[in-house]
PDB file of N, CA and C in Angstrom:
ATOM      1  N   UNK A   1     -64.934 -85.723  86.747  1.00  0.00           N
ATOM      2  CA  UNK A   1     -66.112 -84.875  86.879  1.00  0.00           C
ATOM      3  C   UNK A   1     -66.398 -84.263  85.516  1.00  0.00           C
ATOM      4  N   UNK A   2     -67.628 -84.405  85.072  1.00  0.00           N
ATOM      5  CA  UNK A   2     -68.023 -83.866  83.788  1.00  0.00           C
ATOM      6  C   UNK A   2     -68.895 -82.632  83.957  1.00  0.00           C
ATOM      7  N   UNK A   3     -69.878 -82.712  84.866  1.00  0.00           N
ATOM      8  CA  UNK A   3     -70.822 -81.604  84.991  1.00  0.00           C
ATOM      9  C   UNK A   3     -71.409 -81.591  86.389  1.00  0.00           C
ATOM     10  N   UNK A   4     -71.626 -80.415  86.942  1.00  0.00           N
ATOM     11  CA  UNK A   4     -72.270 -80.278  88.236  1.00  0.00           C
ATOM     12  C   UNK A   4     -73.265 -79.128  88.166  1.00  0.00           C
ATOM     13  N   UNK A   5     -74.439 -79.330  88.766  1.00  0.00           N
ATOM     14  CA  UNK A   5     -75.453 -78.281  88.783  1.00  0.00           C
ATOM     15  C   UNK A   5     -75.279 -77.340  89.962  1.00  0.00           C
ATOM     16  N   UNK A   6     -74.408 -77.666  90.887  1.00  0.00           N
ATOM     17  CA  UNK A   6     -74.157 -76.837  92.051  1.00  0.00           C
ATOM     18  C   UNK A   6     -73.231 -75.688  91.657  1.00  0.00           C
ATOM     19  N   UNK A   7     -73.691 -74.424  91.765  1.00  0.00           N
ATOM     20  CA  UNK A   7     -72.842 -73.306  91.353  1.00  0.00           C
ATOM     21  C   UNK A   7     -71.670 -73.055  92.311  1.00  0.00           C
ATOM     22  N   UNK A   8     -71.746 -73.561  93.540  1.00  0.00           N
ATOM     23  CA  UNK A   8     -70.673 -73.352  94.513  1.00  0.00           C
ATOM     24  C   UNK A   8     -69.676 -74.517  94.548  1.00  0.00           C
ATOM     25  N   UNK A   9     -69.853 -75.505  93.689  1.00  0.00           N
ATOM     26  CA  UNK A   9     -68.984 -76.679  93.702  1.00  0.00           C
ATOM     27  C   UNK A   9     -67.637 -76.357  93.065  1.00  0.00           C
ATOM     28  N   UNK A  10     -66.563 -76.768  93.731  1.00  0.00           N
ATOM     29  CA  UNK A  10     -65.206 -76.543  93.227  1.00  0.00           C
ATOM     30  C   UNK A  10     -64.495 -77.890  93.181  1.00  0.00           C
ATOM     31  N   UNK A  11     -64.130 -78.339  92.014  1.00  0.00           N
ATOM     32  CA  UNK A  11     -63.500 -79.649  91.833  1.00  0.00           C
ATOM     33  C   UNK A  11     -61.987 -79.515  91.951  1.00  0.00           C
ATOM     34  N   UNK A  12     -61.377 -80.393  92.749  1.00  0.00           N
ATOM     35  CA  UNK A  12     -59.926 -80.409  92.901  1.00  0.00           C
ATOM     36  C   UNK A  12     -59.332 -81.392  91.901  1.00  0.00           C
ATOM     37  N   UNK A  13     -58.365 -80.929  91.145  1.00  0.00           N
ATOM     38  CA  UNK A  13     -57.705 -81.769  90.148  1.00  0.00           C
ATOM     39  C   UNK A  13     -56.533 -82.504  90.800  1.00  0.00           C
ATOM     40  N   UNK A  14     -56.786 -83.701  91.304  1.00  0.00           N
ATOM     41  CA  UNK A  14     -55.726 -84.463  91.952  1.00  0.00           C
ATOM     42  C   UNK A  14     -54.888 -85.222  90.932  1.00  0.00           C
ATOM     43  N   UNK A  15     -55.423 -85.482  89.759  1.00  0.00           N
ATOM     44  CA  UNK A  15     -54.724 -86.252  88.746  1.00  0.00           C
ATOM     45  C   UNK A  15     -53.604 -85.496  88.060  1.00  0.00           C
ATOM     46  N   UNK A  16     -53.583 -84.194  88.163  1.00  0.00           N
ATOM     47  CA  UNK A  16     -52.583 -83.394  87.466  1.00  0.00           C
ATOM     48  C   UNK A  16     -51.442 -82.998  88.399  1.00  0.00           C
ATOM     49  N   UNK A  17     -50.710 -83.967  88.887  1.00  0.00           N
ATOM     50  CA  UNK A  17     -49.547 -83.674  89.707  1.00  0.00           C
ATOM     51  C   UNK A  17     -48.333 -83.649  88.804  1.00  0.00           C
ATOM     52  N   UNK A  18     -47.879 -82.462  88.457  1.00  0.00           N
ATOM     53  CA  UNK A  18     -46.706 -82.374  87.599  1.00  0.00           C
ATOM     54  C   UNK A  18     -45.466 -82.584  88.457  1.00  0.00           C
ATOM     55  N   UNK A  19     -44.573 -83.377  87.951  1.00  0.00           N
ATOM     56  CA  UNK A  19     -43.361 -83.709  88.678  1.00  0.00           C
ATOM     57  C   UNK A  19     -42.340 -82.597  88.484  1.00  0.00           C
ATOM     58  N   UNK A  20     -41.930 -81.980  89.579  1.00  0.00           N
ATOM     59  CA  UNK A  20     -40.966 -80.898  89.475  1.00  0.00           C
ATOM     60  C   UNK A  20     -39.602 -81.460  89.126  1.00  0.00           C
ATOM     61  N   UNK A  21     -38.865 -80.710  88.348  1.00  0.00           N
ATOM     62  CA  UNK A  21     -37.546 -81.142  87.925  1.00  0.00           C
ATOM     63  C   UNK A  21     -36.531 -80.828  89.006  1.00  0.00           C
ATOM     64  N   UNK A  22     -35.812 -81.839  89.501  1.00  0.00           N
ATOM     65  CA  UNK A  22     -34.774 -81.566  90.496  1.00  0.00           C
ATOM     66  C   UNK A  22     -33.580 -80.847  89.874  1.00  0.00           C
ATOM     67  N   UNK A  23     -32.709 -80.376  90.707  1.00  0.00           N
ATOM     68  CA  UNK A  23     -31.508 -79.674  90.233  1.00  0.00           C
ATOM     69  C   UNK A  23     -30.637 -80.627  89.416  1.00  0.00           C
ATOM     70  N   UNK A  24     -29.827 -80.097  88.502  1.00  0.00           N
ATOM     71  CA  UNK A  24     -28.967 -80.960  87.691  1.00  0.00           C
ATOM     72  C   UNK A  24     -28.052 -81.868  88.521  1.00  0.00           C
ATOM     73  N   UNK A  25     -27.604 -81.402  89.690  1.00  0.00           N
ATOM     74  CA  UNK A  25     -26.733 -82.220  90.526  1.00  0.00           C
ATOM     75  C   UNK A  25     -27.459 -83.450  91.061  1.00  0.00           C
ATOM     76  N   UNK A  26     -28.789 -83.373  91.166  1.00  0.00           N
ATOM     77  CA  UNK A  26     -29.572 -84.485  91.698  1.00  0.00           C
ATOM     78  C   UNK A  26     -29.971 -85.484  90.616  1.00  0.00           C
ATOM     79  N   UNK A  27     -29.762 -85.151  89.359  1.00  0.00           N
ATOM     80  CA  UNK A  27     -30.097 -86.047  88.255  1.00  0.00           C
ATOM     81  C   UNK A  27     -29.001 -87.092  88.092  1.00  0.00           C
ATOM     82  N   UNK A  28     -29.381 -88.322  87.771  1.00  0.00           N
ATOM     83  CA  UNK A  28     -28.417 -89.390  87.514  1.00  0.00           C
ATOM     84  C   UNK A  28     -28.689 -89.916  86.110  1.00  0.00           C
ATOM     85  N   UNK A  29     -27.950 -89.391  85.130  1.00  0.00           N
ATOM     86  CA  UNK A  29     -28.205 -89.710  83.735  1.00  0.00           C
ATOM     87  C   UNK A  29     -27.256 -90.791  83.238  1.00  0.00           C
ATOM     88  N   UNK A  30     -27.739 -91.614  82.327  1.00  0.00           N
ATOM     89  CA  UNK A  30     -26.954 -92.670  81.688  1.00  0.00           C
ATOM     90  C   UNK A  30     -26.885 -92.387  80.192  1.00  0.00           C
ATOM     91  N   UNK A  31     -25.676 -92.457  79.638  1.00  0.00           N
ATOM     92  CA  UNK A  31     -25.465 -92.205  78.212  1.00  0.00           C
ATOM     93  C   UNK A  31     -24.997 -93.510  77.585  1.00  0.00           C
ATOM     94  N   UNK A  32     -25.705 -93.954  76.541  1.00  0.00           N
ATOM     95  CA  UNK A  32     -25.334 -95.211  75.889  1.00  0.00           C
ATOM     96  C   UNK A  32     -25.601 -95.146  74.393  1.00  0.00           C
ATOM     97  N   UNK A  33     -24.982 -96.052  73.659  1.00  0.00           N
ATOM     98  CA  UNK A  33     -25.191 -96.179  72.228  1.00  0.00           C
ATOM     99  C   UNK A  33     -26.258 -97.239  72.017  1.00  0.00           C
ATOM    100  N   UNK A  34     -27.226 -96.959  71.137  1.00  0.00           N
ATOM    101  CA  UNK A  34     -28.340 -97.879  70.921  1.00  0.00           C
ATOM    102  C   UNK A  34     -28.558 -98.076  69.424  1.00  0.00           C
ATOM    103  N   UNK A  35     -28.761 -99.331  69.035  1.00  0.00           N
ATOM    104  CA  UNK A  35     -29.051 -99.650  67.631  1.00  0.00           C
ATOM    105  C   UNK A  35     -30.316-100.480  67.488  1.00  0.00           C
ATOM    106  N   UNK A  36     -30.974-100.780  68.578  1.00  0.00           N
ATOM    107  CA  UNK A  36     -32.133-101.667  68.553  1.00  0.00           C
ATOM    108  C   UNK A  36     -33.312-101.033  67.826  1.00  0.00           C
ATOM    109  N   UNK A  37     -33.897-101.773  66.917  1.00  0.00           N
ATOM    110  CA  UNK A  37     -35.093-101.375  66.163  1.00  0.00           C
ATOM    111  C   UNK A  37     -34.907-100.046  65.439  1.00  0.00           C
ATOM    112  N   UNK A  38     -33.700 -99.798  64.925  1.00  0.00           N
ATOM    113  CA  UNK A  38     -33.433 -98.562  64.197  1.00  0.00           C
ATOM    114  C   UNK A  38     -32.800 -98.832  62.838  1.00  0.00           C
ATOM    115  N   UNK A  39     -33.019-100.044  62.322  1.00  0.00           N
ATOM    116  CA  UNK A  39     -32.528-100.443  60.997  1.00  0.00           C
ATOM    117  C   UNK A  39     -31.013-100.267  60.872  1.00  0.00           C
ATOM    118  N   UNK A  40     -30.273-100.598  61.931  1.00  0.00           N
ATOM    119  CA  UNK A  40     -28.825-100.520  61.897  1.00  0.00           C
ATOM    120  C   UNK A  40     -28.245 -99.157  62.183  1.00  0.00           C
ATOM    121  N   UNK A  41     -29.068 -98.128  62.237  1.00  0.00           N
ATOM    122  CA  UNK A  41     -28.583 -96.776  62.532  1.00  0.00           C
ATOM    123  C   UNK A  41     -28.296 -96.671  64.029  1.00  0.00           C
ATOM    124  N   UNK A  42     -27.238 -95.979  64.377  1.00  0.00           N
ATOM    125  CA  UNK A  42     -26.902 -95.832  65.787  1.00  0.00           C
ATOM    126  C   UNK A  42     -27.371 -94.469  66.296  1.00  0.00           C
ATOM    127  N   UNK A  43     -27.850 -94.477  67.525  1.00  0.00           N
ATOM    128  CA  UNK A  43     -28.258 -93.246  68.196  1.00  0.00           C
ATOM    129  C   UNK A  43     -27.632 -93.239  69.584  1.00  0.00           C
ATOM    130  N   UNK A  44     -27.376 -92.057  70.091  1.00  0.00           N
ATOM    131  CA  UNK A  44     -26.911 -91.903  71.456  1.00  0.00           C
ATOM    132  C   UNK A  44     -28.131 -91.674  72.325  1.00  0.00           C
ATOM    133  N   UNK A  45     -28.299 -92.507  73.337  1.00  0.00           N
ATOM    134  CA  UNK A  45     -29.477 -92.488  74.191  1.00  0.00           C
ATOM    135  C   UNK A  45     -29.100 -91.953  75.565  1.00  0.00           C
ATOM    136  N   UNK A  46     -29.800 -90.929  76.018  1.00  0.00           N
ATOM    137  CA  UNK A  46     -29.606 -90.373  77.355  1.00  0.00           C
ATOM    138  C   UNK A  46     -30.861 -90.713  78.151  1.00  0.00           C
ATOM    139  N   UNK A  47     -30.719 -91.542  79.174  1.00  0.00           N
ATOM    140  CA  UNK A  47     -31.876 -91.965  79.959  1.00  0.00           C
ATOM    141  C   UNK A  47     -31.681 -91.603  81.420  1.00  0.00           C
ATOM    142  N   UNK A  48     -32.754 -91.721  82.188  1.00  0.00           N
ATOM    143  CA  UNK A  48     -32.702 -91.459  83.617  1.00  0.00           C
ATOM    144  C   UNK A  48     -33.131 -90.061  84.011  1.00  0.00           C
ATOM    145  N   UNK A  49     -33.636 -89.265  83.068  1.00  0.00           N
ATOM    146  CA  UNK A  49     -34.051 -87.902  83.390  1.00  0.00           C
ATOM    147  C   UNK A  49     -35.355 -87.943  84.176  1.00  0.00           C
ATOM    148  N   UNK A  50     -35.401 -87.190  85.276  1.00  0.00           N
ATOM    149  CA  UNK A  50     -36.600 -87.094  86.104  1.00  0.00           C
ATOM    150  C   UNK A  50     -37.050 -85.648  86.086  1.00  0.00           C
ATOM    151  N   UNK A  51     -38.319 -85.431  85.767  1.00  0.00           N
ATOM    152  CA  UNK A  51     -38.821 -84.063  85.786  1.00  0.00           C
ATOM    153  C   UNK A  51     -39.852 -83.809  84.710  1.00  0.00           C
ATOM    154  N   UNK A  52     -40.104 -82.540  84.472  1.00  0.00           N
ATOM    155  CA  UNK A  52     -41.126 -82.133  83.524  1.00  0.00           C
ATOM    156  C   UNK A  52     -40.668 -82.352  82.085  1.00  0.00           C
ATOM    157  N   UNK A  53     -41.630 -82.596  81.226  1.00  0.00           N
ATOM    158  CA  UNK A  53     -41.360 -82.856  79.812  1.00  0.00           C
ATOM    159  C   UNK A  53     -40.722 -81.639  79.141  1.00  0.00           C
ATOM    160  N   UNK A  54     -41.107 -80.454  79.568  1.00  0.00           N
ATOM    161  CA  UNK A  54     -40.568 -79.225  78.975  1.00  0.00           C
ATOM    162  C   UNK A  54     -39.069 -79.086  79.259  1.00  0.00           C
ATOM    163  N   UNK A  55     -38.650 -79.437  80.483  1.00  0.00           N
ATOM    164  CA  UNK A  55     -37.229 -79.373  80.833  1.00  0.00           C
ATOM    165  C   UNK A  55     -36.431 -80.419  80.071  1.00  0.00           C
ATOM    166  N   UNK A  56     -37.033 -81.571  79.846  1.00  0.00           N
ATOM    167  CA  UNK A  56     -36.387 -82.619  79.052  1.00  0.00           C
ATOM    168  C   UNK A  56     -36.167 -82.136  77.622  1.00  0.00           C
ATOM    169  N   UNK A  57     -37.162 -81.488  77.056  1.00  0.00           N
ATOM    170  CA  UNK A  57     -37.042 -80.983  75.688  1.00  0.00           C
ATOM    171  C   UNK A  57     -36.004 -79.867  75.590  1.00  0.00           C
ATOM    172  N   UNK A  58     -35.899 -79.038  76.631  1.00  0.00           N
ATOM    173  CA  UNK A  58     -34.880 -77.983  76.638  1.00  0.00           C
ATOM    174  C   UNK A  58     -33.473 -78.573  76.667  1.00  0.00           C
ATOM    175  N   UNK A  59     -33.287 -79.604  77.490  1.00  0.00           N
ATOM    176  CA  UNK A  59     -31.982 -80.264  77.549  1.00  0.00           C
ATOM    177  C   UNK A  59     -31.659 -80.928  76.218  1.00  0.00           C
ATOM    178  N   UNK A  60     -32.652 -81.574  75.603  1.00  0.00           N
ATOM    179  CA  UNK A  60     -32.436 -82.216  74.299  1.00  0.00           C
ATOM    180  C   UNK A  60     -32.079 -81.182  73.238  1.00  0.00           C
ATOM    181  N   UNK A  61     -32.720 -80.042  73.266  1.00  0.00           N
ATOM    182  CA  UNK A  61     -32.439 -78.985  72.293  1.00  0.00           C
ATOM    183  C   UNK A  61     -31.003 -78.491  72.436  1.00  0.00           C
ATOM    184  N   UNK A  62     -30.550 -78.335  73.675  1.00  0.00           N
ATOM    185  CA  UNK A  62     -29.183 -77.895  73.911  1.00  0.00           C
ATOM    186  C   UNK A  62     -28.191 -78.935  73.393  1.00  0.00           C
ATOM    187  N   UNK A  63     -28.437 -80.210  73.673  1.00  0.00           N
ATOM    188  CA  UNK A  63     -27.525 -81.265  73.226  1.00  0.00           C
ATOM    189  C   UNK A  63     -27.501 -81.374  71.702  1.00  0.00           C
ATOM    190  N   UNK A  64     -28.666 -81.275  71.073  1.00  0.00           N
ATOM    191  CA  UNK A  64     -28.733 -81.364  69.616  1.00  0.00           C
ATOM    192  C   UNK A  64     -27.992 -80.213  68.953  1.00  0.00           C
ATOM    193  N   UNK A  65     -28.157 -79.016  69.489  1.00  0.00           N
ATOM    194  CA  UNK A  65     -27.496 -77.861  68.873  1.00  0.00           C
ATOM    195  C   UNK A  65     -25.980 -77.913  69.072  1.00  0.00           C
ATOM    196  N   UNK A  66     -25.518 -78.365  70.230  1.00  0.00           N
ATOM    197  CA  UNK A  66     -24.073 -78.459  70.482  1.00  0.00           C
ATOM    198  C   UNK A  66     -23.418 -79.543  69.631  1.00  0.00           C
ATOM    199  N   UNK A  67     -24.154 -80.641  69.367  1.00  0.00           N
ATOM    200  CA  UNK A  67     -23.604 -81.730  68.555  1.00  0.00           C
ATOM    201  C   UNK A  67     -23.823 -81.479  67.069  1.00  0.00           C
ATOM    202  N   UNK A  68     -24.744 -80.601  66.723  1.00  0.00           N
ATOM    203  CA  UNK A  68     -25.016 -80.289  65.325  1.00  0.00           C
ATOM    204  C   UNK A  68     -25.754 -81.391  64.597  1.00  0.00           C
ATOM    205  N   UNK A  69     -26.615 -82.123  65.311  1.00  0.00           N
ATOM    206  CA  UNK A  69     -27.363 -83.226  64.708  1.00  0.00           C
ATOM    207  C   UNK A  69     -28.821 -83.153  65.148  1.00  0.00           C
ATOM    208  N   UNK A  70     -29.622 -84.050  64.615  1.00  0.00           N
ATOM    209  CA  UNK A  70     -31.022 -84.128  64.984  1.00  0.00           C
ATOM    210  C   UNK A  70     -31.236 -85.085  66.131  1.00  0.00           C
ATOM    211  N   UNK A  71     -32.469 -85.143  66.578  1.00  0.00           N
ATOM    212  CA  UNK A  71     -32.810 -86.040  67.667  1.00  0.00           C
ATOM    213  C   UNK A  71     -34.195 -85.744  68.179  1.00  0.00           C
ATOM    214  N   UNK A  72     -34.561 -86.410  69.264  1.00  0.00           N
ATOM    215  CA  UNK A  72     -35.880 -86.224  69.843  1.00  0.00           C
ATOM    216  C   UNK A  72     -35.819 -86.467  71.344  1.00  0.00           C
ATOM    217  N   UNK A  73     -36.871 -86.021  72.041  1.00  0.00           N
ATOM    218  CA  UNK A  73     -36.997 -86.239  73.483  1.00  0.00           C
ATOM    219  C   UNK A  73     -38.405 -86.704  73.774  1.00  0.00           C
ATOM    220  N   UNK A  74     -38.512 -87.910  74.321  1.00  0.00           N
ATOM    221  CA  UNK A  74     -39.831 -88.422  74.698  1.00  0.00           C
ATOM    222  C   UNK A  74     -39.667 -89.535  75.710  1.00  0.00           C
ATOM    223  N   UNK A  75     -40.677 -89.734  76.524  1.00  0.00           N
ATOM    224  CA  UNK A  75     -40.731 -90.802  77.522  1.00  0.00           C
ATOM    225  C   UNK A  75     -39.540 -90.764  78.476  1.00  0.00           C
ATOM    226  N   UNK A  76     -39.050 -89.597  78.825  1.00  0.00           N
ATOM    227  CA  UNK A  76     -37.944 -89.480  79.756  1.00  0.00           C
ATOM    228  C   UNK A  76     -36.586 -89.819  79.169  1.00  0.00           C
ATOM    229  N   UNK A  77     -36.501 -89.930  77.845  1.00  0.00           N
ATOM    230  CA  UNK A  77     -35.251 -90.255  77.179  1.00  0.00           C
ATOM    231  C   UNK A  77     -34.962 -89.242  76.083  1.00  0.00           C
ATOM    232  N   UNK A  78     -33.683 -89.052  75.816  1.00  0.00           N
ATOM    233  CA  UNK A  78     -33.251 -88.176  74.731  1.00  0.00           C
ATOM    234  C   UNK A  78     -32.506 -89.034  73.721  1.00  0.00           C
ATOM    235  N   UNK A  79     -32.911 -88.948  72.461  1.00  0.00           N
ATOM    236  CA  UNK A  79     -32.255 -89.667  71.379  1.00  0.00           C
ATOM    237  C   UNK A  79     -31.527 -88.657  70.505  1.00  0.00           C
ATOM    238  N   UNK A  80     -30.218 -88.851  70.351  1.00  0.00           N
ATOM    239  CA  UNK A  80     -29.396 -87.989  69.507  1.00  0.00           C
ATOM    240  C   UNK A  80     -28.858 -88.854  68.368  1.00  0.00           C
ATOM    241  N   UNK A  81     -29.042 -88.421  67.137  1.00  0.00           N
ATOM    242  CA  UNK A  81     -28.622 -89.216  65.985  1.00  0.00           C
ATOM    243  C   UNK A  81     -27.105 -89.326  65.934  1.00  0.00           C
ATOM    244  N   UNK A  82     -26.615 -90.552  65.756  1.00  0.00           N
ATOM    245  CA  UNK A  82     -25.180 -90.790  65.636  1.00  0.00           C
ATOM    246  C   UNK A  82     -24.540 -91.138  66.965  1.00  0.00           C
ATOM    247  N   UNK A  83     -23.247 -91.430  66.908  1.00  0.00           N
ATOM    248  CA  UNK A  83     -22.481 -91.804  68.093  1.00  0.00           C
ATOM    249  C   UNK A  83     -21.762 -90.573  68.634  1.00  0.00           C
ATOM    250  N   UNK A  84     -22.350 -89.946  69.642  1.00  0.00           N
ATOM    251  CA  UNK A  84     -21.800 -88.732  70.251  1.00  0.00           C
ATOM    252  C   UNK A  84     -21.678 -88.907  71.760  1.00  0.00           C
ATOM    253  N   UNK A  85     -21.380 -90.126  72.210  1.00  0.00           N
ATOM    254  CA  UNK A  85     -21.354 -90.413  73.649  1.00  0.00           C
ATOM    255  C   UNK A  85     -20.360 -89.535  74.400  1.00  0.00           C
ATOM    256  N   UNK A  86     -19.130 -89.436  73.925  1.00  0.00           N
ATOM    257  CA  UNK A  86     -18.107 -88.678  74.652  1.00  0.00           C
ATOM    258  C   UNK A  86     -18.440 -87.193  74.728  1.00  0.00           C
ATOM    259  N   UNK A  87     -18.894 -86.636  73.624  1.00  0.00           N
ATOM    260  CA  UNK A  87     -19.230 -85.208  73.594  1.00  0.00           C
ATOM    261  C   UNK A  87     -20.419 -84.907  74.501  1.00  0.00           C
ATOM    262  N   UNK A  88     -21.418 -85.789  74.486  1.00  0.00           N
ATOM    263  CA  UNK A  88     -22.601 -85.574  75.325  1.00  0.00           C
ATOM    264  C   UNK A  88     -22.249 -85.713  76.796  1.00  0.00           C
ATOM    265  N   UNK A  89     -21.380 -86.657  77.140  1.00  0.00           N
ATOM    266  CA  UNK A  89     -20.928 -86.783  78.526  1.00  0.00           C
ATOM    267  C   UNK A  89     -20.248 -85.501  78.999  1.00  0.00           C
ATOM    268  N   UNK A  90     -19.383 -84.948  78.169  1.00  0.00           N
ATOM    269  CA  UNK A  90     -18.702 -83.700  78.521  1.00  0.00           C
ATOM    270  C   UNK A  90     -19.694 -82.555  78.677  1.00  0.00           C
ATOM    271  N   UNK A  91     -20.665 -82.465  77.769  1.00  0.00           N
ATOM    272  CA  UNK A  91     -21.653 -81.386  77.828  1.00  0.00           C
ATOM    273  C   UNK A  91     -22.518 -81.496  79.081  1.00  0.00           C
ATOM    274  N   UNK A  92     -22.949 -82.714  79.409  1.00  0.00           N
ATOM    275  CA  UNK A  92     -23.785 -82.908  80.596  1.00  0.00           C
ATOM    276  C   UNK A  92     -23.013 -82.590  81.868  1.00  0.00           C
ATOM    277  N   UNK A  93     -21.761 -83.022  81.943  1.00  0.00           N
ATOM    278  CA  UNK A  93     -20.960 -82.746  83.139  1.00  0.00           C
ATOM    279  C   UNK A  93     -20.669 -81.256  83.282  1.00  0.00           C
ATOM    280  N   UNK A  94     -20.443 -80.569  82.161  1.00  0.00           N
ATOM    281  CA  UNK A  94     -20.195 -79.128  82.237  1.00  0.00           C
ATOM    282  C   UNK A  94     -21.464 -78.364  82.614  1.00  0.00           C
ATOM    283  N   UNK A  95     -22.637 -78.946  82.343  1.00  0.00           N
ATOM    284  CA  UNK A  95     -23.897 -78.311  82.722  1.00  0.00           C
ATOM    285  C   UNK A  95     -24.293 -78.652  84.162  1.00  0.00           C
ATOM    286  N   UNK A  96     -23.493 -79.494  84.844  1.00  0.00           N
ATOM    287  CA  UNK A  96     -23.751 -79.791  86.241  1.00  0.00           C
ATOM    288  C   UNK A  96     -24.477 -81.094  86.495  1.00  0.00           C
ATOM    289  N   UNK A  97     -24.737 -81.881  85.477  1.00  0.00           N
ATOM    290  CA  UNK A  97     -25.441 -83.152  85.654  1.00  0.00           C
ATOM    291  C   UNK A  97     -24.473 -84.250  86.059  1.00  0.00           C
ATOM    292  N   UNK A  98     -24.975 -85.229  86.815  1.00  0.00           N
ATOM    293  CA  UNK A  98     -24.204 -86.427  87.088  1.00  0.00           C
ATOM    294  C   UNK A  98     -24.501 -87.386  85.940  1.00  0.00           C
ATOM    295  N   UNK A  99     -23.503 -87.693  85.135  1.00  0.00           N
ATOM    296  CA  UNK A  99     -23.724 -88.546  83.962  1.00  0.00           C
ATOM    297  C   UNK A  99     -22.644 -89.604  83.902  1.00  0.00           C
ATOM    298  N   UNK A 100     -23.052 -90.806  83.501  1.00  0.00           N
ATOM    299  CA  UNK A 100     -22.133 -91.926  83.335  1.00  0.00           C
ATOM    300  C   UNK A 100     -22.386 -92.589  82.009  1.00  0.00           C
ATOM    301  N   UNK A 101     -21.329 -93.178  81.463  1.00  0.00           N
ATOM    302  CA  UNK A 101     -21.491 -93.961  80.238  1.00  0.00           C
ATOM    303  C   UNK A 101     -21.976 -95.346  80.634  1.00  0.00           C
ATOM    304  N   UNK A 102     -22.944 -95.850  79.906  1.00  0.00           N
ATOM    305  CA  UNK A 102     -23.538 -97.137  80.224  1.00  0.00           C
ATOM    306  C   UNK A 102     -23.517 -98.010  78.982  1.00  0.00           C
ATOM    307  N   UNK A 103     -23.469 -99.302  79.169  1.00  0.00           N
ATOM    308  CA  UNK A 103     -23.460-100.214  78.032  1.00  0.00           C
ATOM    309  C   UNK A 103     -22.083-100.334  77.413  1.00  0.00           C
ATOM    310  N   UNK A 104     -22.014-101.070  76.249  1.00  0.00           N
ATOM    311  CA  UNK A 104     -20.741-101.341  75.588  1.00  0.00           C
ATOM    312  C   UNK A 104     -20.082-100.125  75.141  1.00  0.00           C
TER     313      UNK A 104
END
């Protein structure tokens, strides 16, 4: 809807259904080491997060600060620079998430 001349018209925004973030116990996260398309650099990839983008960024910020490295959060995945699989698994489990190591 772009414009309506009816002053009593009320448009319902059905397209903006934000996905609520479930509790950490309901999340099933996978932690793996990834080197694909990163010029040989390794990153720790946390995938499987379901919920709002803001909650994903908060979790990524906590993981980055605890590991003392950089990273990013986008498209439902968290990228942490370097190989920090064991530390991230411990941090996620202590925060109440169900997390498993995936891949080699």
